[in-house]
Amino acid sequence: MPSESHIDLEIALKKIHELAAESNSDLGVLYWNQVGRLLQRAARMQADIDALSKELERCQAMLRKKH
């Protein structure tokens, strides 16, 4: 089951990079960099979830055929 809420990560990360560059403090830069990393991790996790959902559907289909 593919992700229903796919976003263009490149655009989002570019905007986050801009926000970090516009920040007036080191803390602001660190904050936006962390937000970018979290967004990347979330995208990887969603890809893993999508792959696992497909595998689960495949396994369930195999079990239905056996019964």
C-alpha atoms as a PDB file:
ATOM      1  CA  MET A   1       0.000   0.000   0.000  1.00  0.00           C
ATOM      2  CA  PRO A   2       1.869   3.124  -1.162  1.00  0.00           C
ATOM      3  CA  SER A   3       2.015   6.208   1.001  1.00  0.00           C
ATOM      4  CA  GLU A   4      -1.090   8.350   0.647  1.00  0.00           C
ATOM      5  CA  SER A   5       0.682  11.563   1.626  1.00  0.00           C
ATOM      6  CA  HIS A   6       3.830  11.555  -0.509  1.00  0.00           C
ATOM      7  CA  ILE A   7       5.622  14.902  -0.524  1.00  0.00           C
ATOM      8  CA  ASP A   8       8.503  16.063  -2.679  1.00  0.00           C
ATOM      9  CA  LEU A   9      11.313  15.695  -0.183  1.00  0.00           C
ATOM     10  CA  GLU A  10      13.747  17.707  -2.294  1.00  0.00           C
ATOM     11  CA  ILE A  11      11.531  20.803  -2.159  1.00  0.00           C
ATOM     12  CA  ALA A  12      10.894  20.404   1.579  1.00  0.00           C
ATOM     13  CA  LEU A  13      14.592  19.940   2.371  1.00  0.00           C
ATOM     14  CA  LYS A  14      15.530  22.946   0.233  1.00  0.00           C
ATOM     15  CA  LYS A  15      13.057  25.097   2.181  1.00  0.00           C
ATOM     16  CA  ILE A  16      14.373  23.779   5.506  1.00  0.00           C
ATOM     17  CA  HIS A  17      17.917  24.579   4.353  1.00  0.00           C
ATOM     18  CA  GLU A  18      16.772  28.127   3.510  1.00  0.00           C
ATOM     19  CA  LEU A  19      15.193  28.497   6.955  1.00  0.00           C
ATOM     20  CA  ALA A  20      18.429  27.324   8.580  1.00  0.00           C
ATOM     21  CA  ALA A  21      20.448  29.799   6.506  1.00  0.00           C
ATOM     22  CA  GLU A  22      18.087  32.633   7.503  1.00  0.00           C
ATOM     23  CA  SER A  23      18.318  31.768  11.188  1.00  0.00           C
ATOM     24  CA  ASN A  24      19.940  34.390  13.384  1.00  0.00           C
ATOM     25  CA  SER A  25      21.455  31.933  15.816  1.00  0.00           C
ATOM     26  CA  ASP A  26      23.441  28.720  16.002  1.00  0.00           C
ATOM     27  CA  LEU A  27      20.529  27.188  17.859  1.00  0.00           C
ATOM     28  CA  GLY A  28      18.198  28.051  14.968  1.00  0.00           C
ATOM     29  CA  VAL A  29      20.569  26.434  12.475  1.00  0.00           C
ATOM     30  CA  LEU A  30      20.817  23.324  14.628  1.00  0.00           C
ATOM     31  CA  TYR A  31      17.025  23.226  14.973  1.00  0.00           C
ATOM     32  CA  TRP A  32      16.317  23.383  11.235  1.00  0.00           C
ATOM     33  CA  ASN A  33      19.081  20.890  10.453  1.00  0.00           C
ATOM     34  CA  GLN A  34      17.525  18.490  12.956  1.00  0.00           C
ATOM     35  CA  VAL A  35      14.083  19.030  11.409  1.00  0.00           C
ATOM     36  CA  GLY A  36      15.588  18.140   8.012  1.00  0.00           C
ATOM     37  CA  ARG A  37      17.147  14.973   9.393  1.00  0.00           C
ATOM     38  CA  LEU A  38      13.863  13.968  11.032  1.00  0.00           C
ATOM     39  CA  LEU A  39      12.041  14.507   7.742  1.00  0.00           C
ATOM     40  CA  GLN A  40      14.545  12.289   5.937  1.00  0.00           C
ATOM     41  CA  ARG A  41      14.204   9.582   8.610  1.00  0.00           C
ATOM     42  CA  ALA A  42      10.415   9.765   8.396  1.00  0.00           C
ATOM     43  CA  ALA A  43      10.580   9.320   4.626  1.00  0.00           C
ATOM     44  CA  ARG A  44      12.837   6.266   5.002  1.00  0.00           C
ATOM     45  CA  MET A  45      10.527   4.831   7.645  1.00  0.00           C
ATOM     46  CA  GLN A  46       7.505   5.369   5.398  1.00  0.00           C
ATOM     47  CA  ALA A  47       9.302   3.567   2.571  1.00  0.00           C
ATOM     48  CA  ASP A  48      10.007   0.667   4.962  1.00  0.00           C
ATOM     49  CA  ILE A  49       6.355   0.617   6.053  1.00  0.00           C
ATOM     50  CA  ASP A  50       5.216   0.581   2.421  1.00  0.00           C
ATOM     51  CA  ALA A  51       7.581  -2.302   1.604  1.00  0.00           C
ATOM     52  CA  LEU A  52       6.472  -4.270   4.667  1.00  0.00           C
ATOM     53  CA  SER A  53       2.809  -3.683   3.803  1.00  0.00           C
ATOM     54  CA  LYS A  54       3.399  -5.096   0.320  1.00  0.00           C
ATOM     55  CA  GLU A  55       5.191  -8.114   1.786  1.00  0.00           C
ATOM     56  CA  LEU A  56       2.363  -8.671   4.267  1.00  0.00           C
ATOM     57  CA  GLU A  57      -0.211  -8.536   1.461  1.00  0.00           C
ATOM     58  CA  ARG A  58       1.876 -11.044  -0.525  1.00  0.00           C
ATOM     59  CA  CYS A  59       2.105 -13.416   2.455  1.00  0.00           C
ATOM     60  CA  GLN A  60      -1.610 -13.118   3.172  1.00  0.00           C
ATOM     61  CA  ALA A  61      -2.400 -13.920  -0.451  1.00  0.00           C
ATOM     62  CA  MET A  62      -0.162 -17.004  -0.278  1.00  0.00           C
ATOM     63  CA  LEU A  63      -1.915 -18.169   2.910  1.00  0.00           C
ATOM     64  CA  ARG A  64      -5.352 -17.715   1.317  1.00  0.00           C
ATOM     65  CA  LYS A  65      -4.283 -19.857  -1.632  1.00  0.00           C
ATOM     66  CA  LYS A  66      -3.152 -22.648   0.691  1.00  0.00           C
ATOM     67  CA  HIS A  67      -6.507 -22.787   2.498  1.00  0.00           C
END
